[in-house]
C-alpha atoms as a PDB file:
ATOM      1  CA  MET A   1       0.039  -0.019   0.047  1.00  0.00           C
ATOM      2  CA  THR A   2       1.249   3.467  -0.990  1.00  0.00           C
ATOM      3  CA  THR A   3       0.491   7.020  -0.281  1.00  0.00           C
ATOM      4  CA  MET A   4       1.631   8.108  -3.562  1.00  0.00           C
ATOM      5  CA  VAL A   5      -0.967   9.504  -5.864  1.00  0.00           C
ATOM      6  CA  ASN A   6      -1.218   8.263  -9.386  1.00  0.00           C
ATOM      7  CA  THR A   7      -1.574  11.148 -11.809  1.00  0.00           C
ATOM      8  CA  VAL A   8      -1.584  10.705 -15.503  1.00  0.00           C
ATOM      9  CA  ARG A   9       1.930  12.090 -15.576  1.00  0.00           C
ATOM     10  CA  GLY A  10       3.155   9.691 -12.787  1.00  0.00           C
ATOM     11  CA  GLY A  11       3.240   9.503  -9.100  1.00  0.00           C
ATOM     12  CA  ILE A  12       3.291  12.441  -6.685  1.00  0.00           C
ATOM     13  CA  ALA A  13       3.031  12.873  -2.983  1.00  0.00           C
ATOM     14  CA  PRO A  14      -0.489  13.933  -1.615  1.00  0.00           C
ATOM     15  CA  GLU A  15       1.143  17.174  -0.319  1.00  0.00           C
ATOM     16  CA  GLN A  16       1.828  18.273  -3.996  1.00  0.00           C
ATOM     17  CA  LEU A  17      -1.940  18.156  -4.913  1.00  0.00           C
ATOM     18  CA  GLY A  18      -2.655  21.700  -3.725  1.00  0.00           C
ATOM     19  CA  LYS A  19      -6.127  23.050  -4.478  1.00  0.00           C
ATOM     20  CA  THR A  20      -8.172  20.238  -5.880  1.00  0.00           C
ATOM     21  CA  LEU A  21     -11.353  19.830  -7.804  1.00  0.00           C
ATOM     22  CA  MET A  22     -12.590  16.319  -6.745  1.00  0.00           C
ATOM     23  CA  HIS A  23     -15.098  15.571  -9.549  1.00  0.00           C
ATOM     24  CA  GLU A  24     -14.852  16.914 -12.999  1.00  0.00           C
ATOM     25  CA  HIS A  25     -14.936  15.550 -16.607  1.00  0.00           C
ATOM     26  CA  PHE A  26     -12.663  16.910 -19.397  1.00  0.00           C
ATOM     27  CA  ILE A  27     -14.440  14.586 -22.058  1.00  0.00           C
ATOM     28  CA  PHE A  28     -17.456  12.616 -21.476  1.00  0.00           C
ATOM     29  CA  GLY A  29     -19.905  10.754 -23.625  1.00  0.00           C
ATOM     30  CA  TYR A  30     -22.944   8.514 -22.702  1.00  0.00           C
ATOM     31  CA  PRO A  31     -22.387   4.813 -23.886  1.00  0.00           C
ATOM     32  CA  GLY A  32     -23.431   4.646 -27.412  1.00  0.00           C
ATOM     33  CA  TYR A  33     -21.762   7.947 -28.484  1.00  0.00           C
ATOM     34  CA  GLN A  34     -19.369   5.814 -30.499  1.00  0.00           C
ATOM     35  CA  GLY A  35     -22.152   4.730 -32.846  1.00  0.00           C
ATOM     36  CA  ASP A  36     -22.697   8.465 -33.823  1.00  0.00           C
ATOM     37  CA  SER A  37     -19.236   8.989 -35.081  1.00  0.00           C
ATOM     38  CA  THR A  38     -20.146   9.902 -38.595  1.00  0.00           C
ATOM     39  CA  LEU A  39     -21.803  13.115 -37.424  1.00  0.00           C
ATOM     40  CA  GLY A  40     -20.201  13.397 -34.023  1.00  0.00           C
ATOM     41  CA  PRO A  41     -16.355  12.807 -34.732  1.00  0.00           C
ATOM     42  CA  PHE A  42     -13.871  13.564 -32.157  1.00  0.00           C
ATOM     43  CA  ASP A  43     -11.618  16.539 -33.091  1.00  0.00           C
ATOM     44  CA  ARG A  44      -8.760  15.601 -30.807  1.00  0.00           C
ATOM     45  CA  ALA A  45      -6.395  18.529 -31.548  1.00  0.00           C
ATOM     46  CA  GLY A  46      -9.109  21.095 -31.391  1.00  0.00           C
ATOM     47  CA  THR A  47     -10.458  19.683 -28.199  1.00  0.00           C
ATOM     48  CA  LEU A  48      -7.064  19.867 -26.673  1.00  0.00           C
ATOM     49  CA  ASP A  49      -6.740  23.508 -27.712  1.00  0.00           C
ATOM     50  CA  ASP A  50     -10.189  24.270 -26.246  1.00  0.00           C
ATOM     51  CA  LEU A  51      -9.460  22.533 -23.006  1.00  0.00           C
ATOM     52  CA  GLU A  52      -6.029  23.927 -22.501  1.00  0.00           C
ATOM     53  CA  ALA A  53      -7.629  27.417 -22.565  1.00  0.00           C
ATOM     54  CA  LEU A  54     -10.309  26.300 -20.152  1.00  0.00           C
ATOM     55  CA  VAL A  55      -7.702  24.880 -17.786  1.00  0.00           C
ATOM     56  CA  GLY A  56      -6.047  28.362 -17.838  1.00  0.00           C
ATOM     57  CA  ARG A  57      -9.188  29.701 -16.255  1.00  0.00           C
ATOM     58  CA  ILE A  58      -9.349  26.889 -13.738  1.00  0.00           C
ATOM     59  CA  LYS A  59      -5.643  27.482 -12.724  1.00  0.00           C
ATOM     60  CA  SER A  60      -6.323  31.330 -12.463  1.00  0.00           C
ATOM     61  CA  HIS A  61      -8.092  30.280  -9.221  1.00  0.00           C
ATOM     62  CA  GLY A  62      -5.014  28.527  -7.973  1.00  0.00           C
ATOM     63  CA  VAL A  63      -6.271  24.959  -8.861  1.00  0.00           C
ATOM     64  CA  GLN A  64      -3.392  22.577  -9.116  1.00  0.00           C
ATOM     65  CA  THR A  65      -5.164  19.227  -9.357  1.00  0.00           C
ATOM     66  CA  VAL A  66      -8.298  18.019 -11.060  1.00  0.00           C
ATOM     67  CA  VAL A  67      -9.877  14.561 -10.495  1.00  0.00           C
ATOM     68  CA  ASP A  68     -11.368  13.380 -13.942  1.00  0.00           C
ATOM     69  CA  ALA A  69     -14.119  11.015 -12.804  1.00  0.00           C
ATOM     70  CA  THR A  70     -15.175   9.692 -16.220  1.00  0.00           C
ATOM     71  CA  PRO A  71     -15.941   6.137 -16.093  1.00  0.00           C
ATOM     72  CA  ASN A  72     -14.418   3.516 -18.286  1.00  0.00           C
ATOM     73  CA  GLU A  73     -17.442   3.149 -20.542  1.00  0.00           C
ATOM     74  CA  CYS A  74     -18.147   6.890 -21.002  1.00  0.00           C
ATOM     75  CA  GLY A  75     -15.052   7.807 -23.025  1.00  0.00           C
ATOM     76  CA  ARG A  76     -12.196   7.820 -20.603  1.00  0.00           C
ATOM     77  CA  ASP A  77      -9.113   8.415 -22.419  1.00  0.00           C
ATOM     78  CA  PRO A  78      -5.918   8.453 -20.342  1.00  0.00           C
ATOM     79  CA  GLU A  79      -3.554   9.363 -23.132  1.00  0.00           C
ATOM     80  CA  PHE A  80      -5.638  12.454 -23.949  1.00  0.00           C
ATOM     81  CA  LEU A  81      -5.564  13.420 -20.262  1.00  0.00           C
ATOM     82  CA  ARG A  82      -1.877  13.034 -20.112  1.00  0.00           C
ATOM     83  CA  GLU A  83      -1.249  15.275 -23.182  1.00  0.00           C
ATOM     84  CA  LEU A  84      -3.671  17.894 -21.697  1.00  0.00           C
ATOM     85  CA  ALA A  85      -1.813  17.642 -18.270  1.00  0.00           C
ATOM     86  CA  GLU A  86       1.580  18.094 -19.933  1.00  0.00           C
ATOM     87  CA  ARG A  87       0.436  21.019 -22.137  1.00  0.00           C
ATOM     88  CA  SER A  88      -1.230  22.787 -19.177  1.00  0.00           C
ATOM     89  CA  ASP A  89       0.994  21.766 -16.284  1.00  0.00           C
ATOM     90  CA  LEU A  90      -1.958  20.447 -14.292  1.00  0.00           C
ATOM     91  CA  ASN A  91      -2.252  17.444 -12.199  1.00  0.00           C
ATOM     92  CA  ILE A  92      -4.887  15.172 -13.507  1.00  0.00           C
ATOM     93  CA  ILE A  93      -6.052  12.081 -11.844  1.00  0.00           C
ATOM     94  CA  CYS A  94      -7.870   9.400 -13.938  1.00  0.00           C
ATOM     95  CA  ALA A  95     -10.390   7.045 -12.693  1.00  0.00           C
ATOM     96  CA  THR A  96     -11.019   3.323 -13.067  1.00  0.00           C
ATOM     97  CA  GLY A  97     -14.684   2.415 -12.722  1.00  0.00           C
ATOM     98  CA  PHE A  98     -18.199   2.212 -14.170  1.00  0.00           C
ATOM     99  CA  TYR A  99     -21.259   4.422 -14.202  1.00  0.00           C
ATOM    100  CA  TYR A 100     -24.744   3.550 -12.559  1.00  0.00           C
ATOM    101  CA  GLU A 101     -26.710   0.768 -14.383  1.00  0.00           C
ATOM    102  CA  GLY A 102     -29.414   3.138 -15.882  1.00  0.00           C
ATOM    103  CA  GLU A 103     -27.005   5.366 -17.883  1.00  0.00           C
ATOM    104  CA  GLY A 104     -23.906   2.952 -18.035  1.00  0.00           C
ATOM    105  CA  ALA A 105     -23.995  -0.802 -17.931  1.00  0.00           C
ATOM    106  CA  PRO A 106     -22.530  -1.951 -21.225  1.00  0.00           C
ATOM    107  CA  ALA A 107     -24.020  -5.149 -22.477  1.00  0.00           C
ATOM    108  CA  TYR A 108     -20.584  -6.743 -22.115  1.00  0.00           C
ATOM    109  CA  PHE A 109     -20.605  -6.886 -18.183  1.00  0.00           C
ATOM    110  CA  LYS A 110     -24.457  -7.425 -18.002  1.00  0.00           C
ATOM    111  CA  PHE A 111     -24.135 -10.443 -20.227  1.00  0.00           C
ATOM    112  CA  ARG A 112     -21.240 -11.777 -18.259  1.00  0.00           C
ATOM    113  CA  ALA A 113     -23.211 -11.082 -14.993  1.00  0.00           C
ATOM    114  CA  ASN A 114     -25.913 -13.548 -16.239  1.00  0.00           C
ATOM    115  CA  LEU A 115     -23.345 -16.411 -16.365  1.00  0.00           C
ATOM    116  CA  MET A 116     -21.086 -15.710 -13.373  1.00  0.00           C
ATOM    117  CA  ASP A 117     -20.271 -13.486 -10.257  1.00  0.00           C
ATOM    118  CA  ILE A 118     -18.419 -10.692 -12.155  1.00  0.00           C
ATOM    119  CA  SER A 119     -17.089  -9.031  -8.889  1.00  0.00           C
ATOM    120  CA  ALA A 120     -13.899 -11.060  -9.146  1.00  0.00           C
ATOM    121  CA  GLU A 121     -13.399  -9.914 -12.847  1.00  0.00           C
ATOM    122  CA  ILE A 122     -14.020  -6.373 -11.904  1.00  0.00           C
ATOM    123  CA  TYR A 123     -11.585  -6.473  -8.877  1.00  0.00           C
ATOM    124  CA  GLU A 124      -8.951  -7.844 -11.435  1.00  0.00           C
ATOM    125  CA  MET A 125      -9.519  -4.838 -13.649  1.00  0.00           C
ATOM    126  CA  PHE A 126      -9.406  -2.359 -10.893  1.00  0.00           C
ATOM    127  CA  MET A 127      -6.166  -3.824  -9.674  1.00  0.00           C
ATOM    128  CA  ALA A 128      -4.569  -3.894 -13.093  1.00  0.00           C
ATOM    129  CA  GLU A 129      -5.445  -0.327 -13.834  1.00  0.00           C
ATOM    130  CA  LEU A 130      -4.417   0.897 -10.398  1.00  0.00           C
ATOM    131  CA  THR A 131      -1.151  -0.970 -10.134  1.00  0.00           C
ATOM    132  CA  VAL A 132       0.106  -1.542 -13.719  1.00  0.00           C
ATOM    133  CA  GLY A 133      -1.742   0.791 -15.995  1.00  0.00           C
ATOM    134  CA  ILE A 134      -4.789   1.328 -18.231  1.00  0.00           C
ATOM    135  CA  GLY A 135      -4.584  -0.879 -21.360  1.00  0.00           C
ATOM    136  CA  LYS A 136      -1.033  -0.470 -22.742  1.00  0.00           C
ATOM    137  CA  THR A 137      -0.634   3.125 -21.855  1.00  0.00           C
ATOM    138  CA  GLY A 138       1.242   2.661 -18.635  1.00  0.00           C
ATOM    139  CA  ILE A 139      -0.925   5.281 -17.136  1.00  0.00           C
ATOM    140  CA  LYS A 140      -2.264   4.181 -13.656  1.00  0.00           C
ATOM    141  CA  ALA A 141      -5.669   5.170 -12.399  1.00  0.00           C
ATOM    142  CA  GLY A 142      -5.602   7.246  -9.155  1.00  0.00           C
ATOM    143  CA  VAL A 143      -9.242   6.775  -7.943  1.00  0.00           C
ATOM    144  CA  ILE A 144     -11.848   4.239  -7.975  1.00  0.00           C
ATOM    145  CA  LYS A 145     -15.170   5.422  -9.306  1.00  0.00           C
ATOM    146  CA  LEU A 146     -18.378   3.656  -8.161  1.00  0.00           C
ATOM    147  CA  ALA A 147     -22.080   4.489  -8.823  1.00  0.00           C
ATOM    148  CA  SER A 148     -25.481   3.576  -7.714  1.00  0.00           C
ATOM    149  CA  SER A 149     -28.983   4.314  -9.008  1.00  0.00           C
ATOM    150  CA  LYS A 150     -31.717   6.475  -7.481  1.00  0.00           C
ATOM    151  CA  ASP A 151     -32.986   5.013  -4.180  1.00  0.00           C
ATOM    152  CA  VAL A 152     -31.694   1.494  -5.042  1.00  0.00           C
ATOM    153  CA  MET A 153     -28.390  -0.313  -5.650  1.00  0.00           C
ATOM    154  CA  THR A 154     -28.829  -2.963  -8.384  1.00  0.00           C
ATOM    155  CA  ASP A 155     -27.019  -6.252  -8.232  1.00  0.00           C
ATOM    156  CA  TYR A 156     -24.922  -5.103 -11.131  1.00  0.00           C
ATOM    157  CA  GLU A 157     -23.771  -1.903  -9.317  1.00  0.00           C
ATOM    158  CA  ARG A 158     -23.227  -3.894  -6.114  1.00  0.00           C
ATOM    159  CA  ALA A 159     -20.738  -6.136  -7.815  1.00  0.00           C
ATOM    160  CA  PHE A 160     -18.616  -3.049  -8.583  1.00  0.00           C
ATOM    161  CA  PHE A 161     -18.826  -1.681  -4.969  1.00  0.00           C
ATOM    162  CA  VAL A 162     -17.749  -5.128  -3.570  1.00  0.00           C
ATOM    163  CA  ALA A 163     -14.856  -5.204  -6.022  1.00  0.00           C
ATOM    164  CA  GLY A 164     -13.859  -1.503  -5.331  1.00  0.00           C
ATOM    165  CA  ALA A 165     -13.841  -1.944  -1.589  1.00  0.00           C
ATOM    166  CA  ARG A 166     -11.483  -4.935  -2.148  1.00  0.00           C
ATOM    167  CA  ALA A 167      -9.263  -2.979  -4.403  1.00  0.00           C
ATOM    168  CA  GLN A 168      -9.143  -0.052  -1.956  1.00  0.00           C
ATOM    169  CA  ARG A 169      -8.362  -2.297   1.018  1.00  0.00           C
ATOM    170  CA  GLU A 170      -5.288  -3.603  -0.862  1.00  0.00           C
ATOM    171  CA  THR A 171      -4.016  -0.422  -2.498  1.00  0.00           C
ATOM    172  CA  GLY A 172      -5.205   2.416  -0.370  1.00  0.00           C
ATOM    173  CA  VAL A 173      -6.418   4.290  -3.478  1.00  0.00           C
ATOM    174  CA  PRO A 174      -9.469   6.358  -2.710  1.00  0.00           C
ATOM    175  CA  ILE A 175     -12.991   5.570  -3.624  1.00  0.00           C
ATOM    176  CA  ILE A 176     -15.202   8.362  -5.143  1.00  0.00           C
ATOM    177  CA  THR A 177     -18.937   7.579  -5.750  1.00  0.00           C
ATOM    178  CA  HIS A 178     -21.832   8.866  -7.691  1.00  0.00           C
ATOM    179  CA  THR A 179     -25.110   8.952  -5.765  1.00  0.00           C
ATOM    180  CA  GLN A 180     -28.118   9.573  -8.284  1.00  0.00           C
ATOM    181  CA  GLU A 181     -29.696  12.608  -6.869  1.00  0.00           C
ATOM    182  CA  GLY A 182     -28.050  12.400  -3.596  1.00  0.00           C
ATOM    183  CA  THR A 183     -29.734   9.076  -2.542  1.00  0.00           C
ATOM    184  CA  LEU A 184     -28.183   5.987  -0.900  1.00  0.00           C
ATOM    185  CA  GLY A 185     -25.417   8.000   0.695  1.00  0.00           C
ATOM    186  CA  PRO A 186     -25.529   6.165   4.066  1.00  0.00           C
ATOM    187  CA  GLU A 187     -26.137   2.816   2.349  1.00  0.00           C
ATOM    188  CA  GLN A 188     -23.087   3.372   0.070  1.00  0.00           C
ATOM    189  CA  ALA A 189     -20.861   4.102   3.036  1.00  0.00           C
ATOM    190  CA  GLU A 190     -22.123   1.159   4.984  1.00  0.00           C
ATOM    191  CA  LEU A 191     -21.516  -1.378   2.185  1.00  0.00           C
ATOM    192  CA  LEU A 192     -18.065  -0.173   1.312  1.00  0.00           C
ATOM    193  CA  ILE A 193     -17.010  -0.174   5.130  1.00  0.00           C
ATOM    194  CA  ALA A 194     -18.733  -3.658   5.625  1.00  0.00           C
ATOM    195  CA  GLU A 195     -16.424  -4.819   2.719  1.00  0.00           C
ATOM    196  CA  GLY A 196     -13.402  -3.548   4.375  1.00  0.00           C
ATOM    197  CA  ALA A 197     -12.789  -0.124   2.726  1.00  0.00           C
ATOM    198  CA  ASP A 198     -11.258   2.556   4.775  1.00  0.00           C
ATOM    199  CA  PRO A 199     -13.843   5.315   5.407  1.00  0.00           C
ATOM    200  CA  ALA A 200     -11.018   7.915   5.622  1.00  0.00           C
ATOM    201  CA  ARG A 201     -10.358   7.094   1.907  1.00  0.00           C
ATOM    202  CA  ILE A 202     -14.063   7.406   0.777  1.00  0.00           C
ATOM    203  CA  MET A 203     -15.873  10.459  -0.680  1.00  0.00           C
ATOM    204  CA  ILE A 204     -19.645   9.824  -1.203  1.00  0.00           C
ATOM    205  CA  GLY A 205     -20.277  12.005  -4.271  1.00  0.00           C
ATOM    206  CA  HIS A 206     -23.213  14.251  -5.313  1.00  0.00           C
ATOM    207  CA  MET A 207     -24.596  14.540  -1.978  1.00  0.00           C
ATOM    208  CA  ASP A 208     -25.550  18.090  -2.852  1.00  0.00           C
ATOM    209  CA  GLY A 209     -28.535  16.531  -4.553  1.00  0.00           C
ATOM    210  CA  ASN A 210     -30.133  16.133  -1.212  1.00  0.00           C
ATOM    211  CA  PRO A 211     -31.143  19.454   0.583  1.00  0.00           C
ATOM    212  CA  ASN A 212     -31.705  17.822   3.980  1.00  0.00           C
ATOM    213  CA  PRO A 213     -28.681  18.399   6.503  1.00  0.00           C
ATOM    214  CA  GLU A 214     -29.742  15.596   8.736  1.00  0.00           C
ATOM    215  CA  TYR A 215     -29.341  13.137   5.800  1.00  0.00           C
ATOM    216  CA  HIS A 216     -25.876  14.460   5.193  1.00  0.00           C
ATOM    217  CA  MET A 217     -25.072  13.882   8.955  1.00  0.00           C
ATOM    218  CA  ARG A 218     -26.229  10.345   8.791  1.00  0.00           C
ATOM    219  CA  THR A 219     -23.742   9.696   6.010  1.00  0.00           C
ATOM    220  CA  LEU A 220     -20.906  11.677   7.666  1.00  0.00           C
ATOM    221  CA  ALA A 221     -21.498   9.635  10.933  1.00  0.00           C
ATOM    222  CA  HIS A 222     -19.796   6.687   9.224  1.00  0.00           C
ATOM    223  CA  GLY A 223     -16.493   8.557   9.011  1.00  0.00           C
ATOM    224  CA  VAL A 224     -16.563   9.107   5.245  1.00  0.00           C
ATOM    225  CA  SER A 225     -16.292  12.491   3.328  1.00  0.00           C
ATOM    226  CA  ILE A 226     -19.049  13.751   1.113  1.00  0.00           C
ATOM    227  CA  GLY A 227     -18.781  15.734  -2.095  1.00  0.00           C
ATOM    228  CA  PHE A 228     -20.834  18.896  -2.793  1.00  0.00           C
ATOM    229  CA  ASP A 229     -19.677  18.278  -6.410  1.00  0.00           C
ATOM    230  CA  ARG A 230     -22.361  19.221  -8.629  1.00  0.00           C
ATOM    231  CA  CYS A 231     -22.595  22.821  -7.985  1.00  0.00           C
ATOM    232  CA  GLY A 232     -24.401  24.593 -10.907  1.00  0.00           C
ATOM    233  CA  ILE A 233     -26.441  21.510 -11.867  1.00  0.00           C
ATOM    234  CA  GLN A 234     -30.037  22.765 -11.325  1.00  0.00           C
ATOM    235  CA  VAL A 235     -32.420  21.113 -13.921  1.00  0.00           C
ATOM    236  CA  LEU A 236     -32.434  17.450 -12.941  1.00  0.00           C
ATOM    237  CA  VAL A 237     -35.693  16.458 -11.237  1.00  0.00           C
ATOM    238  CA  GLY A 238     -35.399  17.041  -7.618  1.00  0.00           C
ATOM    239  CA  MET A 239     -32.040  18.742  -7.781  1.00  0.00           C
ATOM    240  CA  PRO A 240     -31.651  21.872  -5.439  1.00  0.00           C
ATOM    241  CA  PHE A 241     -30.532  25.156  -6.608  1.00  0.00           C
ATOM    242  CA  ASP A 242     -27.134  26.523  -5.692  1.00  0.00           C
ATOM    243  CA  GLU A 243     -28.648  28.645  -2.989  1.00  0.00           C
ATOM    244  CA  ASP A 244     -29.984  25.484  -1.339  1.00  0.00           C
ATOM    245  CA  ARG A 245     -26.463  23.923  -1.521  1.00  0.00           C
ATOM    246  CA  VAL A 246     -24.847  27.041   0.226  1.00  0.00           C
ATOM    247  CA  ARG A 247     -27.559  26.881   2.887  1.00  0.00           C
ATOM    248  CA  VAL A 248     -26.922  23.210   3.633  1.00  0.00           C
ATOM    249  CA  LEU A 249     -23.214  23.562   3.361  1.00  0.00           C
ATOM    250  CA  THR A 250     -23.484  26.533   5.832  1.00  0.00           C
ATOM    251  CA  THR A 251     -25.353  24.247   8.289  1.00  0.00           C
ATOM    252  CA  LEU A 252     -22.866  21.424   8.096  1.00  0.00           C
ATOM    253  CA  LEU A 253     -19.880  23.896   8.333  1.00  0.00           C
ATOM    254  CA  GLN A 254     -21.437  25.408  11.502  1.00  0.00           C
ATOM    255  CA  SER A 255     -21.959  21.822  12.822  1.00  0.00           C
ATOM    256  CA  ASN A 256     -18.232  21.092  12.639  1.00  0.00           C
ATOM    257  CA  TYR A 257     -18.097  18.847   9.551  1.00  0.00           C
ATOM    258  CA  VAL A 258     -15.656  20.908   7.661  1.00  0.00           C
ATOM    259  CA  LYS A 259     -13.057  18.155   7.619  1.00  0.00           C
ATOM    260  CA  GLN A 260     -15.272  15.770   5.711  1.00  0.00           C
ATOM    261  CA  ILE A 261     -16.573  17.962   2.938  1.00  0.00           C
ATOM    262  CA  MET A 262     -15.126  18.554  -0.615  1.00  0.00           C
ATOM    263  CA  LEU A 263     -16.213  20.752  -3.512  1.00  0.00           C
ATOM    264  CA  SER A 264     -16.453  20.371  -7.222  1.00  0.00           C
ATOM    265  CA  GLN A 265     -18.958  20.955 -10.067  1.00  0.00           C
ATOM    266  CA  ASP A 266     -19.131  17.596 -12.119  1.00  0.00           C
ATOM    267  CA  THR A 267     -18.790  19.795 -15.271  1.00  0.00           C
ATOM    268  CA  VAL A 268     -18.561  18.085 -18.711  1.00  0.00           C
ATOM    269  CA  MET A 269     -16.021  20.347 -20.451  1.00  0.00           C
ATOM    270  CA  HIS A 270     -16.463  18.531 -23.856  1.00  0.00           C
ATOM    271  CA  TRP A 271     -19.267  16.184 -24.867  1.00  0.00           C
ATOM    272  CA  LEU A 272     -18.246  13.279 -26.958  1.00  0.00           C
ATOM    273  CA  GLY A 273     -20.544  12.789 -30.044  1.00  0.00           C
ATOM    274  CA  ARG A 274     -22.618  15.414 -31.582  1.00  0.00           C
ATOM    275  CA  PRO A 275     -22.804  18.791 -29.727  1.00  0.00           C
ATOM    276  CA  LEU A 276     -25.778  19.139 -27.302  1.00  0.00           C
ATOM    277  CA  VAL A 277     -28.328  21.704 -28.246  1.00  0.00           C
ATOM    278  CA  LEU A 278     -29.957  22.713 -25.067  1.00  0.00           C
ATOM    279  CA  PRO A 279     -33.243  24.700 -24.904  1.00  0.00           C
ATOM    280  CA  GLU A 280     -32.906  28.310 -24.072  1.00  0.00           C
ATOM    281  CA  MET A 281     -34.625  28.004 -20.652  1.00  0.00           C
ATOM    282  CA  VAL A 282     -32.295  25.199 -19.725  1.00  0.00           C
ATOM    283  CA  GLN A 283     -29.144  27.328 -20.731  1.00  0.00           C
ATOM    284  CA  GLN A 284     -30.383  30.107 -18.557  1.00  0.00           C
ATOM    285  CA  ILE A 285     -30.993  27.749 -15.511  1.00  0.00           C
ATOM    286  CA  MET A 286     -27.553  25.962 -15.971  1.00  0.00           C
ATOM    287  CA  ALA A 287     -25.514  29.235 -16.719  1.00  0.00           C
ATOM    288  CA  ASN A 288     -23.392  28.546 -13.642  1.00  0.00           C
ATOM    289  CA  TRP A 289     -22.484  25.067 -14.487  1.00  0.00           C
ATOM    290  CA  HIS A 290     -18.867  25.512 -15.387  1.00  0.00           C
ATOM    291  CA  PRO A 291     -15.586  24.518 -13.782  1.00  0.00           C
ATOM    292  CA  THR A 292     -15.028  27.798 -11.820  1.00  0.00           C
ATOM    293  CA  ASN A 293     -18.477  28.067 -10.266  1.00  0.00           C
ATOM    294  CA  ILE A 294     -17.460  27.216  -6.771  1.00  0.00           C
ATOM    295  CA  PHE A 295     -14.765  30.033  -6.922  1.00  0.00           C
ATOM    296  CA  ASP A 296     -17.036  32.572  -8.637  1.00  0.00           C
ATOM    297  CA  ASN A 297     -20.350  31.895  -6.718  1.00  0.00           C
ATOM    298  CA  ILE A 298     -20.312  29.170  -4.011  1.00  0.00           C
ATOM    299  CA  ILE A 299     -17.246  30.183  -1.956  1.00  0.00           C
ATOM    300  CA  PRO A 300     -18.150  33.968  -1.850  1.00  0.00           C
ATOM    301  CA  ALA A 301     -21.732  32.970  -0.719  1.00  0.00           C
ATOM    302  CA  LEU A 302     -20.333  30.759   1.939  1.00  0.00           C
ATOM    303  CA  VAL A 303     -18.152  33.513   3.033  1.00  0.00           C
ATOM    304  CA  GLN A 304     -20.840  35.842   3.161  1.00  0.00           C
ATOM    305  CA  ASN A 305     -22.696  33.353   5.420  1.00  0.00           C
ATOM    306  CA  GLY A 306     -19.797  33.312   7.766  1.00  0.00           C
ATOM    307  CA  SER A 307     -17.394  30.719   6.504  1.00  0.00           C
ATOM    308  CA  THR A 308     -13.701  31.471   7.140  1.00  0.00           C
ATOM    309  CA  ALA A 309     -10.750  31.260   4.834  1.00  0.00           C
ATOM    310  CA  ALA A 310      -9.514  28.208   6.918  1.00  0.00           C
ATOM    311  CA  ASP A 311     -12.879  26.503   6.250  1.00  0.00           C
ATOM    312  CA  ILE A 312     -12.288  27.018   2.487  1.00  0.00           C
ATOM    313  CA  GLN A 313      -8.782  25.807   2.551  1.00  0.00           C
ATOM    314  CA  THR A 314      -9.859  22.793   4.464  1.00  0.00           C
ATOM    315  CA  MET A 315     -12.336  21.720   1.882  1.00  0.00           C
ATOM    316  CA  VAL A 316     -10.436  22.400  -1.285  1.00  0.00           C
ATOM    317  CA  ILE A 317      -6.843  21.630  -0.215  1.00  0.00           C
ATOM    318  CA  ASP A 318      -6.635  19.879   3.215  1.00  0.00           C
ATOM    319  CA  ASN A 319      -9.440  17.393   2.697  1.00  0.00           C
ATOM    320  CA  PRO A 320      -8.421  16.039  -0.717  1.00  0.00           C
ATOM    321  CA  ARG A 321      -4.833  15.725   0.582  1.00  0.00           C
ATOM    322  CA  ARG A 322      -6.019  13.587   3.527  1.00  0.00           C
ATOM    323  CA  LEU A 323      -8.351  11.431   1.206  1.00  0.00           C
ATOM    324  CA  PHE A 324      -5.246  10.653  -0.716  1.00  0.00           C
ATOM    325  CA  GLY A 325      -3.355   9.616   2.386  1.00  0.00           C
ATOM    326  CA  GLY A 326      -1.620  12.810   3.225  1.00  0.00           C
ATOM    327  CA  SER A 327      -1.188  14.037   6.722  1.00  0.00           C
END
């Protein structure tokens, strides 16, 4: 077990992470985008140029590290991420893992799951990508990404959680999760810990989809961290607005949970496949869904509500460092 952090450019110490965004996507496509390549081809060079400029905006806020949480089946491209990291001098951490069944679940694993217990196969994949490298790239994943559905964890999803907990137990690599609309936070934590995962190396993600502070406290009671990492997303059914996120965050900070909270936006900086054409009303509602929203809007609102500079540093620097094994 090591405390070195796998970035796409190699291992670094947790103390070198600096200000960190814990859940973003540089490129992302829903499974099936590959079948639309005639009208939605990937302009690799142009996308690199666009994202390099966008990374400049992110770094202007002092960000040194971004965790790219793109699942394996959603267009994860470690070599693209390495080139972007080299061009922009940014620490980028790549994930190993799969999305929740409703929007992921390639037929490959679902077919195999009908014939056998796939958790052992998934564990082998996780271990190879964490300790040897992804494919033939030699680039090691630095986080394990797990996901569950709204209000339920399917058998398919559970196999990934079981495998992820085992891989985390053996490597110490952090687990970050997707909770659909902020549901099953306590249940995810309970399962992972029951399977031997270290709660100090778990971030239950997208918890800002739930506007009830008591629900967050139930999750935090397990010793895990939580991610308020969808800031700016305001059109999904049941999703709160950013002012609700600030209200809940303020309550949690005032209740002394600052050492268990991390911030991000879950932005998709480039969609794979054809460009999305959003209705005008959706564009207006989602105007703040971009990779500097927490610096432009969320943090200033927290400060206005009484949060201190020390609180902010804890959430964006100290907590990510500890999640990756730093002191």
